[in-house]
Structures are given as structure tokens and as C-alpha cells.
Amino acid sequence: MDKKALLEQIDNLAYRTGGTQTGKALQFLQSTYFTEAGGSRASENVPQITVVITDGSSTDEVEVPARELRKHGVIIFAIGIGDADKEELQQIANSPHKHFVISIDSYQALQKLTESFLQTVCTSVGTQIQAPRFADVVILVDSTADIGRVKNLLNRLVSQLNVGSEAHRIGLAQFGSDTQVEFLLNTYQTKDEVQLHLRNKFRLRPGRDRQLGKALEHARVTFFNTAAGSRIAEGFQQFLVVITAGQSEDSVMRAARTIKTEGVNVISIGLPKTNRQELELIATSPYVFQTPSQSIAVIPQEVKGIIESKQAHYGLATGPSGDSTL
């Protein structure tokens, strides 16, 4: 179909009344349009994009269908008109939401949005496709954890990543009663410097209790900004790797939701005897690892795969290659 025929089809569209089932509509898009039979050219690496326009709240659940569509490789923009549910728009769209969620007052404003929105689409998709697959990676370590296991994880992960000021940037903090920054994303310029810190300076300093909720908020405020070396404004993906040895003494729900809403992908790694439900609450689904001590060696390679995956750099969620309980 050429452009002229497409515009004629749009002019002749009949408005259908009825309820708002956005979740069902997202499932329909995946099964009908984003397939080879439906004309999709995903196999030729053509970007897959959908724009959801809504002026209310869905009567069905949207989070899971939207996640499945994103996992399928589709980049989702959400435009809310008037009283549209902003939290629901964020559940639908890709991250970071400031690029993929748009709220306007009326349908009249939608007509004026066309040119600027087209530029937003081109810029956001172009940035995600063309940018090198490097990321900013902050590691948050439980200070009550076994130092041998933690150093094993950290050394293996850093050694496998291409670390540098123009490659993957690494930040590190530890938490207990309080959160202590080891180094920011822009403290070190080379992998050697990071490894030297881990070898000679990194020591766990256990606090009185484990306050992970407070640590997540501290990490959000301290690391994920330009002053700390974050490149989020340039379109680089942001990761927080949380290594914990037990259940938090404070609530993690609000802090975890906030940091993920701001576009940070959270990977949770639970050492033996951790709370599985809390790990899932913290993480960007399905980035969850819960491990007995003998399988620790497997995790760094899995985490590296997530950080460098195509899906992660489209703002999509991909999980461990096998069972997420390793």
C-alpha cells in the first residue's frame, strides 16, 4: 500500500464505540501485525514501532501484554490525552519514560503534536539503534555478605566487560544501615583502575542492619545523573546490579518502583538464604538471580549478556538464558 492509499484508508476509518481494553489490543498487535505474515520486517532489522493513543484507563490489565510486546522487539510510544492514566501509560511504554510517554490536554492538541512527535520518534529510535551498546553500570553490594563471594562476582563481571570512559562505566557502593559510595561512574577511566580498587581498597563494612530501600534511593540520587558520570541523557542504558545476602529491614517497594520508573534496569542477585519475593520486587522483570554458592561463577556471564543485549538497549526486558534461579 502506498502513502496515498494509506491516507485514504485512514480518512475512511469508522469510529467504533465500546469499552477500552488496551491490554487485549496490545496482544492483538503482537499476534496480527508484528509477524511476518502481517508484513513485519523484523527479520531484516527494520525497527518495529507502535504508538498507543488513549484518553482514559483500560478495563483490562496492560503491564504483561505491553512487556511481552516489548520483549518481541517492539518500541512502544504512549500518548495520553486529557485524563489518561499516567501510571498506565508508563506501564505500556518503553523506558526512559520522558522519551516514550507524552501527555497532552486534548485531541486538538494532538493535531499540533504531529511534527514534534515525528522528530521525537526519529531521534529516540535512531539513538537506540545507532548508539554503541555500552552502558552505565552501578553495583550495590550488601555489606553483610561474604567478602569472598562478593569479590568473586565483582572481579569476574568487571573482567568480562569492556570497561572505560568511552565503554562500559562502572560505579560501586555498599549498603548496611547507611550507603557508602566506593566510586562514581566517572571516578575511574580504565578497567585497570577499577580492578585495582577492588583488589586493594574494597572492604565490606557491615552496618547494624540491612536497609536496602534506603540504599536504592541513595543510588538513584547519587549515581544516575550527569555529575556522577551517567550518560542517560545521551541515550545510554542504565543498570543497577544489587547483590544482597538477606531480607531488607526497611521497605523496598517505593524506592524500587521509583528508580525503575526513571529508566534504570535493576538486576537483583540473591546470595544463599535471600528472599525470592523481595528479589523479584526489586528487579526489572525478569532480571532475577538467586544462587547457591556453587553456581556463582555462572552469574557474571549472564549479567554481561543482559547488559549487552540488543533488547536491553531498546529498553526491553530480557532475562537469564535459563531458569532465573541459578
C-alpha atoms as a PDB file:
ATOM      1  CA  MET A   1       0.000   0.000   0.000  1.00  0.00           C
ATOM      2  CA  ASP A   2       1.423   3.397  -0.972  1.00  0.00           C
ATOM      3  CA  LYS A   3       1.128   6.598   1.077  1.00  0.00           C
ATOM      4  CA  LYS A   4      -1.884   7.924  -0.842  1.00  0.00           C
ATOM      5  CA  ALA A   5      -3.855   4.718  -0.404  1.00  0.00           C
ATOM      6  CA  LEU A   6      -2.927   4.597   3.280  1.00  0.00           C
ATOM      7  CA  LEU A   7      -4.205   8.123   3.885  1.00  0.00           C
ATOM      8  CA  GLU A   8      -7.452   7.282   2.090  1.00  0.00           C
ATOM      9  CA  GLN A   9      -7.912   4.258   4.337  1.00  0.00           C
ATOM     10  CA  ILE A  10      -7.346   6.441   7.412  1.00  0.00           C
ATOM     11  CA  ASP A  11      -9.900   9.021   6.196  1.00  0.00           C
ATOM     12  CA  ASN A  12     -12.470   6.258   5.781  1.00  0.00           C
ATOM     13  CA  LEU A  13     -11.935   4.676   9.188  1.00  0.00           C
ATOM     14  CA  ALA A  14     -15.197   4.232  11.086  1.00  0.00           C
ATOM     15  CA  TYR A  15     -15.086   5.049  14.803  1.00  0.00           C
ATOM     16  CA  ARG A  16     -16.006   2.057  16.916  1.00  0.00           C
ATOM     17  CA  THR A  17     -17.719   2.649  20.244  1.00  0.00           C
ATOM     18  CA  GLY A  18     -17.288   0.380  23.249  1.00  0.00           C
ATOM     19  CA  GLY A  19     -15.005  -0.131  26.218  1.00  0.00           C
ATOM     20  CA  THR A  20     -11.268   0.378  26.476  1.00  0.00           C
ATOM     21  CA  GLN A  21      -9.305  -2.887  26.578  1.00  0.00           C
ATOM     22  CA  THR A  22      -5.794  -1.731  25.902  1.00  0.00           C
ATOM     23  CA  GLY A  23      -4.193  -4.963  27.103  1.00  0.00           C
ATOM     24  CA  LYS A  24      -6.242  -7.004  24.634  1.00  0.00           C
ATOM     25  CA  ALA A  25      -5.351  -4.521  21.878  1.00  0.00           C
ATOM     26  CA  LEU A  26      -1.629  -4.898  22.592  1.00  0.00           C
ATOM     27  CA  GLN A  27      -1.962  -8.686  22.350  1.00  0.00           C
ATOM     28  CA  PHE A  28      -3.792  -8.223  19.045  1.00  0.00           C
ATOM     29  CA  LEU A  29      -0.952  -6.073  17.691  1.00  0.00           C
ATOM     30  CA  GLN A  30       1.617  -8.721  18.568  1.00  0.00           C
ATOM     31  CA  SER A  31      -0.280 -11.629  17.049  1.00  0.00           C
ATOM     32  CA  THR A  32      -1.638  -9.829  13.964  1.00  0.00           C
ATOM     33  CA  TYR A  33       0.710  -7.030  12.885  1.00  0.00           C
ATOM     34  CA  PHE A  34       4.172  -7.782  14.256  1.00  0.00           C
ATOM     35  CA  THR A  35       4.505 -11.073  12.409  1.00  0.00           C
ATOM     36  CA  GLU A  36       5.993 -11.955   9.043  1.00  0.00           C
ATOM     37  CA  ALA A  37       2.518 -12.837   7.776  1.00  0.00           C
ATOM     38  CA  GLY A  38       1.313  -9.408   8.875  1.00  0.00           C
ATOM     39  CA  GLY A  39       4.071  -7.664   6.917  1.00  0.00           C
ATOM     40  CA  SER A  40       6.614  -7.192   9.688  1.00  0.00           C
ATOM     41  CA  ARG A  41      10.232  -6.862   8.543  1.00  0.00           C
ATOM     42  CA  ALA A  42      11.771  -7.502  11.940  1.00  0.00           C
ATOM     43  CA  SER A  43      13.910 -10.270  10.404  1.00  0.00           C
ATOM     44  CA  GLU A  44      15.505  -7.569   8.206  1.00  0.00           C
ATOM     45  CA  ASN A  45      16.305  -5.444  11.292  1.00  0.00           C
ATOM     46  CA  VAL A  46      13.660  -2.861  10.428  1.00  0.00           C
ATOM     47  CA  PRO A  47      12.596  -1.083  13.680  1.00  0.00           C
ATOM     48  CA  GLN A  48       9.207  -2.214  14.991  1.00  0.00           C
ATOM     49  CA  ILE A  49       7.255   0.716  16.450  1.00  0.00           C
ATOM     50  CA  THR A  50       3.751   1.161  17.795  1.00  0.00           C
ATOM     51  CA  VAL A  51       2.051   4.325  19.064  1.00  0.00           C
ATOM     52  CA  VAL A  52      -0.750   3.874  21.597  1.00  0.00           C
ATOM     53  CA  ILE A  53      -3.150   6.839  21.865  1.00  0.00           C
ATOM     54  CA  THR A  54      -5.677   6.762  24.714  1.00  0.00           C
ATOM     55  CA  ASP A  55      -7.830   9.190  26.681  1.00  0.00           C
ATOM     56  CA  GLY A  56      -8.770   7.002  29.643  1.00  0.00           C
ATOM     57  CA  SER A  57      -7.932   3.937  31.701  1.00  0.00           C
ATOM     58  CA  SER A  58      -8.003   0.399  30.397  1.00  0.00           C
ATOM     59  CA  THR A  59     -10.587  -2.010  31.784  1.00  0.00           C
ATOM     60  CA  ASP A  60      -8.104  -4.858  31.469  1.00  0.00           C
ATOM     61  CA  GLU A  61      -4.512  -5.379  32.581  1.00  0.00           C
ATOM     62  CA  VAL A  62      -1.849  -3.748  30.376  1.00  0.00           C
ATOM     63  CA  GLU A  63       1.506  -4.393  32.064  1.00  0.00           C
ATOM     64  CA  VAL A  64       2.031  -8.006  30.966  1.00  0.00           C
ATOM     65  CA  PRO A  65       0.821  -7.566  27.332  1.00  0.00           C
ATOM     66  CA  ALA A  66       2.994  -4.449  26.994  1.00  0.00           C
ATOM     67  CA  ARG A  67       6.023  -6.252  28.420  1.00  0.00           C
ATOM     68  CA  GLU A  68       5.502  -9.163  26.034  1.00  0.00           C
ATOM     69  CA  LEU A  69       5.234  -6.776  23.082  1.00  0.00           C
ATOM     70  CA  ARG A  70       8.467  -5.034  24.095  1.00  0.00           C
ATOM     71  CA  LYS A  71      10.187  -8.398  24.541  1.00  0.00           C
ATOM     72  CA  HIS A  72       9.047  -9.157  20.991  1.00  0.00           C
ATOM     73  CA  GLY A  73      11.233  -6.225  19.882  1.00  0.00           C
ATOM     74  CA  VAL A  74       8.553  -3.561  19.514  1.00  0.00           C
ATOM     75  CA  ILE A  75       9.292   0.006  20.631  1.00  0.00           C
ATOM     76  CA  ILE A  76       6.141   1.458  22.233  1.00  0.00           C
ATOM     77  CA  PHE A  77       5.233   5.143  22.495  1.00  0.00           C
ATOM     78  CA  ALA A  78       2.219   6.043  24.648  1.00  0.00           C
ATOM     79  CA  ILE A  79       0.259   9.269  24.153  1.00  0.00           C
ATOM     80  CA  GLY A  80      -2.244  10.152  26.865  1.00  0.00           C
ATOM     81  CA  ILE A  81      -4.993  12.686  26.160  1.00  0.00           C
ATOM     82  CA  GLY A  82      -6.791  14.580  28.895  1.00  0.00           C
ATOM     83  CA  ASP A  83      -7.384  12.394  31.948  1.00  0.00           C
ATOM     84  CA  ALA A  84      -5.453   9.376  30.679  1.00  0.00           C
ATOM     85  CA  ASP A  85      -3.891   7.267  33.451  1.00  0.00           C
ATOM     86  CA  LYS A  86      -0.215   8.326  33.586  1.00  0.00           C
ATOM     87  CA  GLU A  87       0.885   5.279  35.577  1.00  0.00           C
ATOM     88  CA  GLU A  88      -0.758   3.046  32.987  1.00  0.00           C
ATOM     89  CA  LEU A  89       0.967   4.932  30.162  1.00  0.00           C
ATOM     90  CA  GLN A  90       4.305   4.236  31.857  1.00  0.00           C
ATOM     91  CA  GLN A  91       3.455   0.534  32.145  1.00  0.00           C
ATOM     92  CA  ILE A  92       2.803   0.450  28.401  1.00  0.00           C
ATOM     93  CA  ALA A  93       5.717   2.465  27.029  1.00  0.00           C
ATOM     94  CA  ASN A  94       9.432   1.843  26.734  1.00  0.00           C
ATOM     95  CA  SER A  95      11.894   3.447  29.134  1.00  0.00           C
ATOM     96  CA  PRO A  96      13.032   6.094  29.837  1.00  0.00           C
ATOM     97  CA  HIS A  97       9.507   7.432  30.047  1.00  0.00           C
ATOM     98  CA  LYS A  98      10.488  11.023  29.328  1.00  0.00           C
ATOM     99  CA  HIS A  99      11.229   9.884  25.758  1.00  0.00           C
ATOM    100  CA  PHE A 100       8.366   7.434  25.237  1.00  0.00           C
ATOM    101  CA  VAL A 101       5.386   8.851  27.206  1.00  0.00           C
ATOM    102  CA  ILE A 102       3.604  12.035  26.094  1.00  0.00           C
ATOM    103  CA  SER A 103       0.661  13.694  27.851  1.00  0.00           C
ATOM    104  CA  ILE A 104      -1.480  16.362  26.155  1.00  0.00           C
ATOM    105  CA  ASP A 105      -4.681  18.187  27.090  1.00  0.00           C
ATOM    106  CA  SER A 106      -6.991  17.483  24.144  1.00  0.00           C
ATOM    107  CA  TYR A 107      -7.438  15.921  20.715  1.00  0.00           C
ATOM    108  CA  GLN A 108      -6.956  19.387  19.233  1.00  0.00           C
ATOM    109  CA  ALA A 109      -3.500  19.438  20.782  1.00  0.00           C
ATOM    110  CA  LEU A 110      -2.839  16.083  19.115  1.00  0.00           C
ATOM    111  CA  GLN A 111      -3.031  17.753  15.686  1.00  0.00           C
ATOM    112  CA  LYS A 112      -0.347  20.232  16.714  1.00  0.00           C
ATOM    113  CA  LEU A 113       1.828  17.442  18.126  1.00  0.00           C
ATOM    114  CA  THR A 114       2.467  15.697  14.803  1.00  0.00           C
ATOM    115  CA  GLU A 115       5.688  17.377  13.720  1.00  0.00           C
ATOM    116  CA  SER A 116       7.375  17.422  17.114  1.00  0.00           C
ATOM    117  CA  PHE A 117       6.294  13.839  17.808  1.00  0.00           C
ATOM    118  CA  LEU A 118       7.725  12.641  14.500  1.00  0.00           C
ATOM    119  CA  GLN A 119      11.037  14.226  15.464  1.00  0.00           C
ATOM    120  CA  THR A 120      10.848  12.515  18.876  1.00  0.00           C
ATOM    121  CA  VAL A 121      10.226   9.131  17.250  1.00  0.00           C
ATOM    122  CA  CYS A 122      13.103   9.541  14.805  1.00  0.00           C
ATOM    123  CA  THR A 123      15.508  10.769  17.466  1.00  0.00           C
ATOM    124  CA  SER A 124      14.632   8.134  20.073  1.00  0.00           C
ATOM    125  CA  VAL A 125      14.684   5.200  17.671  1.00  0.00           C
ATOM    126  CA  GLY A 126      17.785   6.459  15.870  1.00  0.00           C
ATOM    127  CA  THR A 127      19.646   6.919  19.141  1.00  0.00           C
ATOM    128  CA  GLN A 128      18.783   3.448  20.369  1.00  0.00           C
ATOM    129  CA  ILE A 129      19.678   1.749  17.088  1.00  0.00           C
ATOM    130  CA  GLN A 130      22.887   3.602  16.286  1.00  0.00           C
ATOM    131  CA  ALA A 131      24.393   4.105  19.750  1.00  0.00           C
ATOM    132  CA  PRO A 132      27.125   1.652  20.728  1.00  0.00           C
ATOM    133  CA  ARG A 133      25.885  -0.956  23.159  1.00  0.00           C
ATOM    134  CA  PHE A 134      27.741   0.385  26.141  1.00  0.00           C
ATOM    135  CA  ALA A 135      26.016   1.127  29.422  1.00  0.00           C
ATOM    136  CA  ASP A 136      26.463   2.744  32.806  1.00  0.00           C
ATOM    137  CA  VAL A 137      26.542   0.003  35.439  1.00  0.00           C
ATOM    138  CA  VAL A 138      26.247   0.698  39.164  1.00  0.00           C
ATOM    139  CA  ILE A 139      26.805  -2.182  41.576  1.00  0.00           C
ATOM    140  CA  LEU A 140      25.209  -2.034  45.036  1.00  0.00           C
ATOM    141  CA  VAL A 141      26.618  -4.578  47.485  1.00  0.00           C
ATOM    142  CA  ASP A 142      25.220  -5.800  50.812  1.00  0.00           C
ATOM    143  CA  SER A 143      27.910  -5.089  53.407  1.00  0.00           C
ATOM    144  CA  THR A 144      26.879  -8.172  55.419  1.00  0.00           C
ATOM    145  CA  ALA A 145      27.606 -10.525  52.504  1.00  0.00           C
ATOM    146  CA  ASP A 146      30.568 -12.889  52.396  1.00  0.00           C
ATOM    147  CA  ILE A 147      33.500 -10.847  51.066  1.00  0.00           C
ATOM    148  CA  GLY A 148      34.941 -13.811  49.172  1.00  0.00           C
ATOM    149  CA  ARG A 149      31.735 -14.415  47.226  1.00  0.00           C
ATOM    150  CA  VAL A 150      31.250 -10.707  46.532  1.00  0.00           C
ATOM    151  CA  LYS A 151      34.802 -10.170  45.274  1.00  0.00           C
ATOM    152  CA  ASN A 152      34.499 -13.289  43.123  1.00  0.00           C
ATOM    153  CA  LEU A 153      31.336 -11.887  41.497  1.00  0.00           C
ATOM    154  CA  LEU A 154      32.729  -8.394  41.032  1.00  0.00           C
ATOM    155  CA  ASN A 155      36.096  -9.451  39.642  1.00  0.00           C
ATOM    156  CA  ARG A 156      34.524 -11.876  37.168  1.00  0.00           C
ATOM    157  CA  LEU A 157      31.962  -9.314  35.967  1.00  0.00           C
ATOM    158  CA  VAL A 158      34.452  -6.458  35.533  1.00  0.00           C
ATOM    159  CA  SER A 159      36.982  -8.709  33.784  1.00  0.00           C
ATOM    160  CA  GLN A 160      34.347  -9.762  31.217  1.00  0.00           C
ATOM    161  CA  LEU A 161      33.121  -6.235  30.407  1.00  0.00           C
ATOM    162  CA  ASN A 162      34.809  -3.675  28.162  1.00  0.00           C
ATOM    163  CA  VAL A 163      35.291  -1.032  30.863  1.00  0.00           C
ATOM    164  CA  GLY A 164      36.390   2.556  30.193  1.00  0.00           C
ATOM    165  CA  SER A 165      35.239   6.151  29.958  1.00  0.00           C
ATOM    166  CA  GLU A 166      34.109   5.519  26.345  1.00  0.00           C
ATOM    167  CA  ALA A 167      32.870   1.975  27.004  1.00  0.00           C
ATOM    168  CA  HIS A 168      31.013   0.495  29.992  1.00  0.00           C
ATOM    169  CA  ARG A 169      31.285   2.775  33.005  1.00  0.00           C
ATOM    170  CA  ILE A 170      31.249   1.190  36.454  1.00  0.00           C
ATOM    171  CA  GLY A 171      30.151   2.637  39.812  1.00  0.00           C
ATOM    172  CA  LEU A 172      30.191   0.859  43.170  1.00  0.00           C
ATOM    173  CA  ALA A 173      28.587   1.320  46.598  1.00  0.00           C
ATOM    174  CA  GLN A 174      27.911  -0.849  49.620  1.00  0.00           C
ATOM    175  CA  PHE A 175      24.948  -0.689  51.971  1.00  0.00           C
ATOM    176  CA  GLY A 176      24.001  -1.659  55.502  1.00  0.00           C
ATOM    177  CA  SER A 177      22.485   0.831  57.930  1.00  0.00           C
ATOM    178  CA  ASP A 178      23.833   3.515  55.589  1.00  0.00           C
ATOM    179  CA  THR A 179      25.073   3.547  51.998  1.00  0.00           C
ATOM    180  CA  GLN A 180      28.752   4.226  51.292  1.00  0.00           C
ATOM    181  CA  VAL A 181      29.991   5.141  47.820  1.00  0.00           C
ATOM    182  CA  GLU A 182      33.164   3.349  46.750  1.00  0.00           C
ATOM    183  CA  PHE A 183      33.483   5.179  43.416  1.00  0.00           C
ATOM    184  CA  LEU A 184      31.227   7.003  40.953  1.00  0.00           C
ATOM    185  CA  LEU A 185      30.745   6.252  37.264  1.00  0.00           C
ATOM    186  CA  ASN A 186      33.336   8.870  36.307  1.00  0.00           C
ATOM    187  CA  THR A 187      35.881   8.196  39.072  1.00  0.00           C
ATOM    188  CA  TYR A 188      37.950   5.755  37.035  1.00  0.00           C
ATOM    189  CA  GLN A 189      38.746   5.886  33.326  1.00  0.00           C
ATOM    190  CA  THR A 190      40.075   2.347  32.740  1.00  0.00           C
ATOM    191  CA  LYS A 191      39.375  -1.260  33.671  1.00  0.00           C
ATOM    192  CA  ASP A 192      42.778  -1.472  35.386  1.00  0.00           C
ATOM    193  CA  GLU A 193      41.842   1.334  37.770  1.00  0.00           C
ATOM    194  CA  VAL A 194      38.549  -0.356  38.687  1.00  0.00           C
ATOM    195  CA  GLN A 195      40.254  -3.706  39.248  1.00  0.00           C
ATOM    196  CA  LEU A 196      42.985  -2.057  41.346  1.00  0.00           C
ATOM    197  CA  HIS A 197      40.317  -0.540  43.610  1.00  0.00           C
ATOM    198  CA  LEU A 198      38.591  -3.907  44.006  1.00  0.00           C
ATOM    199  CA  ARG A 199      41.889  -5.588  44.806  1.00  0.00           C
ATOM    200  CA  ASN A 200      43.444  -3.036  47.176  1.00  0.00           C
ATOM    201  CA  LYS A 201      40.736  -0.718  48.545  1.00  0.00           C
ATOM    202  CA  PHE A 202      37.421  -2.554  48.596  1.00  0.00           C
ATOM    203  CA  ARG A 203      36.461  -3.821  52.054  1.00  0.00           C
ATOM    204  CA  LEU A 204      32.971  -4.595  53.332  1.00  0.00           C
ATOM    205  CA  ARG A 205      31.981  -2.578  56.412  1.00  0.00           C
ATOM    206  CA  PRO A 206      28.866  -4.227  57.904  1.00  0.00           C
ATOM    207  CA  GLY A 207      26.278  -1.940  59.482  1.00  0.00           C
ATOM    208  CA  ARG A 208      23.801  -2.672  62.251  1.00  0.00           C
ATOM    209  CA  ASP A 209      21.093  -3.771  59.823  1.00  0.00           C
ATOM    210  CA  ARG A 210      20.288  -4.100  56.117  1.00  0.00           C
ATOM    211  CA  GLN A 211      18.351  -1.114  54.710  1.00  0.00           C
ATOM    212  CA  LEU A 212      18.078  -1.807  51.003  1.00  0.00           C
ATOM    213  CA  GLY A 213      15.143   0.549  50.383  1.00  0.00           C
ATOM    214  CA  LYS A 214      17.216   3.473  51.606  1.00  0.00           C
ATOM    215  CA  ALA A 215      20.184   2.233  49.552  1.00  0.00           C
ATOM    216  CA  LEU A 216      18.137   2.084  46.338  1.00  0.00           C
ATOM    217  CA  GLU A 217      17.049   5.701  46.805  1.00  0.00           C
ATOM    218  CA  HIS A 218      20.632   6.729  47.601  1.00  0.00           C
ATOM    219  CA  ALA A 219      21.851   5.036  44.414  1.00  0.00           C
ATOM    220  CA  ARG A 220      19.146   6.736  42.331  1.00  0.00           C
ATOM    221  CA  VAL A 221      20.036  10.205  43.596  1.00  0.00           C
ATOM    222  CA  THR A 222      23.815   9.741  43.734  1.00  0.00           C
ATOM    223  CA  PHE A 223      24.767   7.815  40.597  1.00  0.00           C
ATOM    224  CA  PHE A 224      22.234   8.303  37.809  1.00  0.00           C
ATOM    225  CA  ASN A 225      22.992  11.903  36.893  1.00  0.00           C
ATOM    226  CA  THR A 226      25.476  13.718  34.664  1.00  0.00           C
ATOM    227  CA  ALA A 227      27.607  14.977  37.564  1.00  0.00           C
ATOM    228  CA  ALA A 228      28.291  11.387  38.652  1.00  0.00           C
ATOM    229  CA  GLY A 229      29.219  10.304  35.117  1.00  0.00           C
ATOM    230  CA  SER A 230      25.887   8.901  33.963  1.00  0.00           C
ATOM    231  CA  ARG A 231      25.227   9.151  30.215  1.00  0.00           C
ATOM    232  CA  ILE A 232      21.471   8.644  30.455  1.00  0.00           C
ATOM    233  CA  ALA A 233      20.862  11.975  28.692  1.00  0.00           C
ATOM    234  CA  GLU A 234      22.841  10.637  25.718  1.00  0.00           C
ATOM    235  CA  GLY A 235      20.682   7.525  25.413  1.00  0.00           C
ATOM    236  CA  PHE A 236      22.991   5.054  27.163  1.00  0.00           C
ATOM    237  CA  GLN A 237      21.204   2.366  29.141  1.00  0.00           C
ATOM    238  CA  GLN A 238      21.452   2.480  32.941  1.00  0.00           C
ATOM    239  CA  PHE A 239      21.845  -0.628  35.072  1.00  0.00           C
ATOM    240  CA  LEU A 240      21.829  -1.171  38.820  1.00  0.00           C
ATOM    241  CA  VAL A 241      23.141  -4.564  39.941  1.00  0.00           C
ATOM    242  CA  VAL A 242      22.029  -5.306  43.505  1.00  0.00           C
ATOM    243  CA  ILE A 243      23.889  -8.052  45.391  1.00  0.00           C
ATOM    244  CA  THR A 244      22.165  -8.904  48.665  1.00  0.00           C
ATOM    245  CA  ALA A 245      22.586 -11.602  51.329  1.00  0.00           C
ATOM    246  CA  GLY A 246      19.242 -11.367  53.092  1.00  0.00           C
ATOM    247  CA  GLN A 247      15.924  -9.589  53.540  1.00  0.00           C
ATOM    248  CA  SER A 248      15.874  -5.817  53.938  1.00  0.00           C
ATOM    249  CA  GLU A 249      14.936  -4.280  57.278  1.00  0.00           C
ATOM    250  CA  ASP A 250      13.112  -1.448  55.508  1.00  0.00           C
ATOM    251  CA  SER A 251      10.578  -1.455  52.676  1.00  0.00           C
ATOM    252  CA  VAL A 252      11.990  -1.618  49.164  1.00  0.00           C
ATOM    253  CA  MET A 253       8.739  -1.200  47.222  1.00  0.00           C
ATOM    254  CA  ARG A 254       8.605   2.571  46.685  1.00  0.00           C
ATOM    255  CA  ALA A 255      12.343   3.012  46.073  1.00  0.00           C
ATOM    256  CA  ALA A 256      12.435   0.100  43.600  1.00  0.00           C
ATOM    257  CA  ARG A 257       9.434   1.433  41.686  1.00  0.00           C
ATOM    258  CA  THR A 258      10.865   4.952  41.540  1.00  0.00           C
ATOM    259  CA  ILE A 259      14.305   4.001  40.242  1.00  0.00           C
ATOM    260  CA  LYS A 260      12.828   1.731  37.569  1.00  0.00           C
ATOM    261  CA  THR A 261      10.316   4.387  36.520  1.00  0.00           C
ATOM    262  CA  GLU A 262      13.256   6.709  35.833  1.00  0.00           C
ATOM    263  CA  GLY A 263      14.690   4.284  33.278  1.00  0.00           C
ATOM    264  CA  VAL A 264      17.154   2.249  35.355  1.00  0.00           C
ATOM    265  CA  ASN A 265      17.243  -1.501  34.685  1.00  0.00           C
ATOM    266  CA  VAL A 266      17.647  -3.307  38.010  1.00  0.00           C
ATOM    267  CA  ILE A 267      19.296  -6.737  38.202  1.00  0.00           C
ATOM    268  CA  SER A 268      18.957  -8.465  41.575  1.00  0.00           C
ATOM    269  CA  ILE A 269      21.389 -11.152  42.717  1.00  0.00           C
ATOM    270  CA  GLY A 270      20.478 -13.003  45.892  1.00  0.00           C
ATOM    271  CA  LEU A 271      23.160 -14.974  47.683  1.00  0.00           C
ATOM    272  CA  PRO A 272      22.050 -18.075  49.663  1.00  0.00           C
ATOM    273  CA  LYS A 273      19.114 -17.575  52.081  1.00  0.00           C
ATOM    274  CA  THR A 274      17.729 -14.455  50.387  1.00  0.00           C
ATOM    275  CA  ASN A 275      14.020 -13.703  49.981  1.00  0.00           C
ATOM    276  CA  ARG A 276      12.925 -14.579  46.436  1.00  0.00           C
ATOM    277  CA  GLN A 277       9.836 -12.362  46.566  1.00  0.00           C
ATOM    278  CA  GLU A 278      11.917  -9.334  47.543  1.00  0.00           C
ATOM    279  CA  LEU A 279      14.431 -10.027  44.754  1.00  0.00           C
ATOM    280  CA  GLU A 280      11.572 -10.028  42.238  1.00  0.00           C
ATOM    281  CA  LEU A 281      10.128  -6.830  43.710  1.00  0.00           C
ATOM    282  CA  ILE A 282      13.472  -5.040  43.328  1.00  0.00           C
ATOM    283  CA  ALA A 283      14.338  -6.237  39.832  1.00  0.00           C
ATOM    284  CA  THR A 284      13.265  -5.224  36.374  1.00  0.00           C
ATOM    285  CA  SER A 285      11.394  -8.415  35.474  1.00  0.00           C
ATOM    286  CA  PRO A 286      12.771 -10.967  34.793  1.00  0.00           C
ATOM    287  CA  TYR A 287      16.343  -9.951  35.799  1.00  0.00           C
ATOM    288  CA  VAL A 288      16.449 -12.077  38.961  1.00  0.00           C
ATOM    289  CA  PHE A 289      19.174 -14.435  40.154  1.00  0.00           C
ATOM    290  CA  GLN A 290      19.045 -16.464  43.348  1.00  0.00           C
ATOM    291  CA  THR A 291      22.008 -18.664  43.777  1.00  0.00           C
ATOM    292  CA  PRO A 292      23.575 -21.355  45.911  1.00  0.00           C
ATOM    293  CA  SER A 293      27.291 -20.775  46.394  1.00  0.00           C
ATOM    294  CA  GLN A 294      28.430 -23.369  43.847  1.00  0.00           C
ATOM    295  CA  SER A 295      26.815 -21.543  40.899  1.00  0.00           C
ATOM    296  CA  ILE A 296      28.194 -18.052  41.496  1.00  0.00           C
ATOM    297  CA  ALA A 297      30.671 -18.445  38.634  1.00  0.00           C
ATOM    298  CA  VAL A 298      27.787 -18.594  36.123  1.00  0.00           C
ATOM    299  CA  ILE A 299      26.201 -15.271  37.056  1.00  0.00           C
ATOM    300  CA  PRO A 300      28.732 -12.710  35.720  1.00  0.00           C
ATOM    301  CA  GLN A 301      28.429 -14.084  32.175  1.00  0.00           C
ATOM    302  CA  GLU A 302      24.624 -13.984  32.439  1.00  0.00           C
ATOM    303  CA  VAL A 303      24.698 -10.392  33.716  1.00  0.00           C
ATOM    304  CA  LYS A 304      27.091  -9.383  30.935  1.00  0.00           C
ATOM    305  CA  GLY A 305      24.654 -10.891  28.418  1.00  0.00           C
ATOM    306  CA  ILE A 306      21.796  -8.801  29.819  1.00  0.00           C
ATOM    307  CA  ILE A 307      23.820  -5.574  29.854  1.00  0.00           C
ATOM    308  CA  GLU A 308      24.972  -6.023  26.256  1.00  0.00           C
ATOM    309  CA  SER A 309      21.775  -7.488  24.798  1.00  0.00           C
ATOM    310  CA  LYS A 310      20.018  -5.794  21.892  1.00  0.00           C
ATOM    311  CA  GLN A 311      16.764  -5.929  23.813  1.00  0.00           C
ATOM    312  CA  ALA A 312      18.196  -4.090  26.817  1.00  0.00           C
ATOM    313  CA  HIS A 313      19.383  -1.275  24.570  1.00  0.00           C
ATOM    314  CA  TYR A 314      15.917  -0.918  23.066  1.00  0.00           C
ATOM    315  CA  GLY A 315      14.571  -0.522  26.614  1.00  0.00           C
ATOM    316  CA  LEU A 316      13.192  -4.076  26.560  1.00  0.00           C
ATOM    317  CA  ALA A 317      13.385  -6.760  29.231  1.00  0.00           C
ATOM    318  CA  THR A 318      15.287  -9.970  28.662  1.00  0.00           C
ATOM    319  CA  GLY A 319      16.032 -12.465  31.371  1.00  0.00           C
ATOM    320  CA  PRO A 320      18.611 -15.073  32.250  1.00  0.00           C
ATOM    321  CA  SER A 321      19.196 -17.580  29.482  1.00  0.00           C
ATOM    322  CA  GLY A 322      17.892 -20.453  31.525  1.00  0.00           C
ATOM    323  CA  ASP A 323      15.987 -20.765  34.797  1.00  0.00           C
ATOM    324  CA  SER A 324      16.307 -17.496  36.697  1.00  0.00           C
ATOM    325  CA  THR A 325      17.088 -19.474  39.836  1.00  0.00           C
ATOM    326  CA  LEU A 326      20.722 -20.363  39.308  1.00  0.00           C
END
